[in-house]
């Protein structure tokens, strides 16, 4: 079996199952849904793979059908998910998208207590981080929980100690935390980053 190529990019965060209504109008009138996956960090990993560079995603999903959906879709995009954790005690997060009108979509998240929110420093594959050409983080993951925030900081510290550049996409989500809490946390993360998307 061939060795996994050294990732050009390693990222971590929550990837959720995505259900999107296929017709315009309130969700209560929908009869069919399109099933996919969504997550800012895994989207970046997919983009890097489509540019034909190796990429790895780390995170937690539930040991449920939606968790297997997430991992299967990322594998189909040739993203390395070997370091992902299957959590038997928490569900995979869910994102539901409805098209209220032809030009207006509304998104609802079901992520409180999700497997992704239980990400912790012990879930990190530090060898993958040290081998990467860049570690990519977002401002979403540290907003999910105290353990997820600790995982983000542990990943950044591991990367910096190994001389791996750190990339941060601020990606502020008002539904997850207040501007004051986000500002303090993201300023702290940004100080140690070489690349900042804001």
Protein backbone atom coordinates (compact mmCIF):
# COMPACT_ATOMS: atom_id res chain seq x y z
CA UNK A 1 0.00 0.00 0.00
CA UNK A 2 1.37 3.42 -0.98
CA UNK A 3 2.20 5.89 1.78
CA UNK A 4 -0.10 8.88 2.24
CA UNK A 5 1.50 11.89 0.49
CA UNK A 6 2.71 14.72 2.69
CA UNK A 7 -0.21 17.17 2.89
CA UNK A 8 0.24 20.58 1.35
CA UNK A 9 -2.51 21.68 3.72
CA UNK A 10 -3.89 20.37 7.00
CA UNK A 11 -7.05 21.81 8.47
CA UNK A 12 -9.40 21.03 11.33
CA UNK A 13 -12.94 21.88 12.24
CA UNK A 14 -16.53 20.73 12.02
CA UNK A 15 -17.97 19.35 8.82
CA UNK A 16 -21.73 18.80 8.89
CA UNK A 17 -24.28 17.00 6.82
CA UNK A 18 -26.17 19.46 4.61
CA UNK A 19 -29.81 19.04 3.62
CA UNK A 20 -31.01 21.54 1.00
CA UNK A 21 -34.63 21.88 -0.13
CA UNK A 22 -35.00 21.44 -3.86
CA UNK A 23 -37.95 23.79 -4.27
CA UNK A 24 -38.42 27.46 -3.53
CA UNK A 25 -40.56 28.24 -0.51
CA UNK A 26 -40.75 27.51 3.20
CA UNK A 27 -39.14 24.27 4.29
CA UNK A 28 -42.44 22.92 5.60
CA UNK A 29 -43.63 22.61 2.00
CA UNK A 30 -40.53 20.73 0.78
CA UNK A 31 -41.03 17.15 -0.36
CA UNK A 32 -37.44 16.36 -1.34
CA UNK A 33 -34.02 17.38 -0.04
CA UNK A 34 -30.59 17.28 -1.65
CA UNK A 35 -27.99 15.71 0.68
CA UNK A 36 -24.41 16.93 0.88
CA UNK A 37 -21.79 18.13 3.34
CA UNK A 38 -20.70 21.58 4.49
CA UNK A 39 -17.82 22.98 6.48
CA UNK A 40 -15.54 25.96 5.90
CA UNK A 41 -12.36 24.04 6.66
CA UNK A 42 -13.21 20.96 4.63
CA UNK A 43 -14.25 23.23 1.73
CA UNK A 44 -10.71 24.61 1.69
CA UNK A 45 -9.26 21.09 1.79
CA UNK A 46 -11.49 20.09 -1.14
CA UNK A 47 -10.37 23.16 -3.09
CA UNK A 48 -6.71 22.32 -2.49
CA UNK A 49 -7.30 18.73 -3.65
CA UNK A 50 -9.04 19.96 -6.81
CA UNK A 51 -5.89 21.95 -7.51
CA UNK A 52 -4.11 18.57 -7.24
CA UNK A 53 -2.30 19.15 -3.97
CA UNK A 54 -2.62 16.74 -1.02
CA UNK A 55 -4.81 17.95 1.83
CA UNK A 56 -5.91 16.48 5.15
CA UNK A 57 -8.93 17.29 7.32
CA UNK A 58 -9.11 16.54 11.03
CA UNK A 59 -12.28 16.65 13.08
CA UNK A 60 -14.98 14.65 14.80
CA UNK A 61 -18.13 13.24 13.32
CA UNK A 62 -20.72 11.03 14.93
CA UNK A 63 -20.49 7.27 14.48
CA UNK A 64 -23.78 7.58 12.60
CA UNK A 65 -24.97 7.60 9.00
CA UNK A 66 -24.38 11.35 8.66
CA UNK A 67 -20.83 10.94 9.97
CA UNK A 68 -20.15 8.24 7.40
CA UNK A 69 -21.70 10.52 4.78
CA UNK A 70 -19.26 13.30 5.69
CA UNK A 71 -16.21 11.04 5.60
CA UNK A 72 -17.35 9.36 2.39
CA UNK A 73 -17.87 12.66 0.58
CA UNK A 74 -14.47 13.97 1.69
CA UNK A 75 -12.78 10.73 0.63
CA UNK A 76 -14.51 11.02 -2.73
CA UNK A 77 -12.78 14.39 -3.11
CA UNK A 78 -9.47 12.64 -2.24
CA UNK A 79 -9.12 14.54 1.06
CA UNK A 80 -7.15 12.58 3.67
CA UNK A 81 -9.53 11.90 6.57
CA UNK A 82 -7.48 9.18 8.25
CA UNK A 83 -7.08 11.37 11.36
CA UNK A 84 -10.82 11.99 11.73
CA UNK A 85 -12.46 10.72 14.92
CA UNK A 86 -15.75 8.78 14.98
CA UNK A 87 -17.57 9.80 18.16
CA UNK A 88 -19.97 7.11 19.43
CA UNK A 89 -21.59 9.46 21.96
CA UNK A 90 -22.56 12.53 19.93
CA UNK A 91 -24.34 13.10 16.62
CA UNK A 92 -22.90 14.61 13.48
CA UNK A 93 -23.87 18.26 13.10
CA UNK A 94 -26.59 19.13 10.60
CA UNK A 95 -27.15 22.19 8.42
CA UNK A 96 -30.54 22.68 6.75
CA UNK A 97 -30.87 25.17 3.89
CA UNK A 98 -34.15 26.41 2.48
CA UNK A 99 -34.76 28.73 -0.47
CA UNK A 100 -37.30 31.20 0.94
CA UNK A 101 -37.47 32.96 -2.44
CA UNK A 102 -35.56 32.56 -5.70
CA UNK A 103 -32.92 34.96 -4.38
CA UNK A 104 -33.03 34.42 -0.62
CA UNK A 105 -31.80 31.35 1.26
CA UNK A 106 -32.05 30.68 4.99
CA UNK A 107 -29.74 28.32 6.85
CA UNK A 108 -30.46 26.64 10.19
CA UNK A 109 -27.75 24.78 12.12
CA UNK A 110 -28.21 21.82 14.45
CA UNK A 111 -24.76 21.64 16.01
CA UNK A 112 -25.19 22.14 19.77
CA UNK A 113 -23.66 19.08 21.45
CA UNK A 114 -22.52 17.72 18.10
CA UNK A 115 -19.51 15.47 17.66
CA UNK A 116 -17.70 18.35 15.95
CA UNK A 117 -18.15 20.58 18.98
CA UNK A 118 -16.40 17.91 21.08
CA UNK A 119 -13.12 18.27 19.16
CA UNK A 120 -10.24 18.36 21.66
CA UNK A 121 -6.44 18.57 21.62
CA UNK A 122 -6.09 14.80 21.99
CA UNK A 123 -7.83 14.37 18.61
CA UNK A 124 -5.00 16.07 16.73
CA UNK A 125 -2.59 14.13 14.57
CA UNK A 126 0.47 16.22 15.39
CA UNK A 127 2.69 14.37 12.91
CA UNK A 128 0.38 15.43 10.07
CA UNK A 129 0.48 19.03 11.26
CA UNK A 130 4.28 19.03 11.54
CA UNK A 131 4.60 17.56 8.02
CA UNK A 132 2.22 20.05 6.37
CA UNK A 133 3.21 22.98 4.22
CA UNK A 134 0.45 25.06 5.87
CA UNK A 135 -2.04 24.67 8.71
CA UNK A 136 -5.39 26.31 7.93
CA UNK A 137 -7.72 27.42 10.75
CA UNK A 138 -10.96 29.38 10.89
CA UNK A 139 -12.72 31.50 13.45
CA UNK A 140 -15.60 29.03 13.50
CA UNK A 141 -13.95 26.14 15.33
CA UNK A 142 -12.83 28.04 18.46
CA UNK A 143 -16.42 29.31 18.83
CA UNK A 144 -17.87 25.80 19.08
CA UNK A 145 -16.68 24.90 22.60
CA UNK A 146 -13.84 25.29 25.08
CA UNK A 147 -12.31 21.98 23.98
CA UNK A 148 -12.51 22.92 20.29
CA UNK A 149 -10.86 26.25 21.10
CA UNK A 150 -8.08 24.38 22.94
CA UNK A 151 -7.63 22.09 19.93
CA UNK A 152 -7.23 25.06 17.60
CA UNK A 153 -4.58 26.62 19.84
CA UNK A 154 -2.78 23.27 20.26
CA UNK A 155 -2.72 22.80 16.48
CA UNK A 156 -1.35 26.33 15.96
CA UNK A 157 1.34 25.80 18.59
CA UNK A 158 2.36 22.47 17.03
CA UNK A 159 2.60 24.10 13.61
CA UNK A 160 4.61 27.08 14.84
CA UNK A 161 7.04 24.82 16.74
CA UNK A 162 7.64 22.88 13.52
CA UNK A 163 8.03 25.99 11.36
CA UNK A 164 4.76 25.34 9.53
CA UNK A 165 2.97 28.54 8.44
CA UNK A 166 -0.48 29.07 9.94
CA UNK A 167 -3.38 30.44 7.91
CA UNK A 168 -6.49 31.92 9.59
CA UNK A 169 -9.82 32.74 7.96
CA UNK A 170 -11.64 34.96 10.48
CA UNK A 171 -15.06 33.74 9.22
CA UNK A 172 -16.99 35.41 12.08
CA UNK A 173 -20.34 33.77 12.86
CA UNK A 174 -22.59 35.93 15.04
CA UNK A 175 -24.78 32.95 15.95
CA UNK A 176 -21.85 31.25 17.68
CA UNK A 177 -20.41 34.01 19.88
CA UNK A 178 -20.47 37.70 20.68
CA UNK A 179 -18.31 40.24 18.83
CA UNK A 180 -16.39 40.93 22.05
CA UNK A 181 -15.51 37.27 22.70
CA UNK A 182 -14.69 36.70 19.04
CA UNK A 183 -12.47 39.79 18.83
CA UNK A 184 -10.34 38.78 21.82
CA UNK A 185 -9.95 35.19 20.64
CA UNK A 186 -9.30 35.95 16.99
CA UNK A 187 -6.79 38.71 17.79
CA UNK A 188 -4.87 36.17 19.83
CA UNK A 189 -4.93 33.60 17.02
CA UNK A 190 -4.09 36.16 14.34
CA UNK A 191 -0.89 37.22 16.13
CA UNK A 192 0.63 33.82 15.36
CA UNK A 193 -0.50 33.56 11.74
CA UNK A 194 1.39 34.17 8.52
CA UNK A 195 -1.76 34.33 6.38
CA UNK A 196 -4.93 36.12 7.46
CA UNK A 197 -8.24 36.20 5.59
CA UNK A 198 -10.64 38.79 6.97
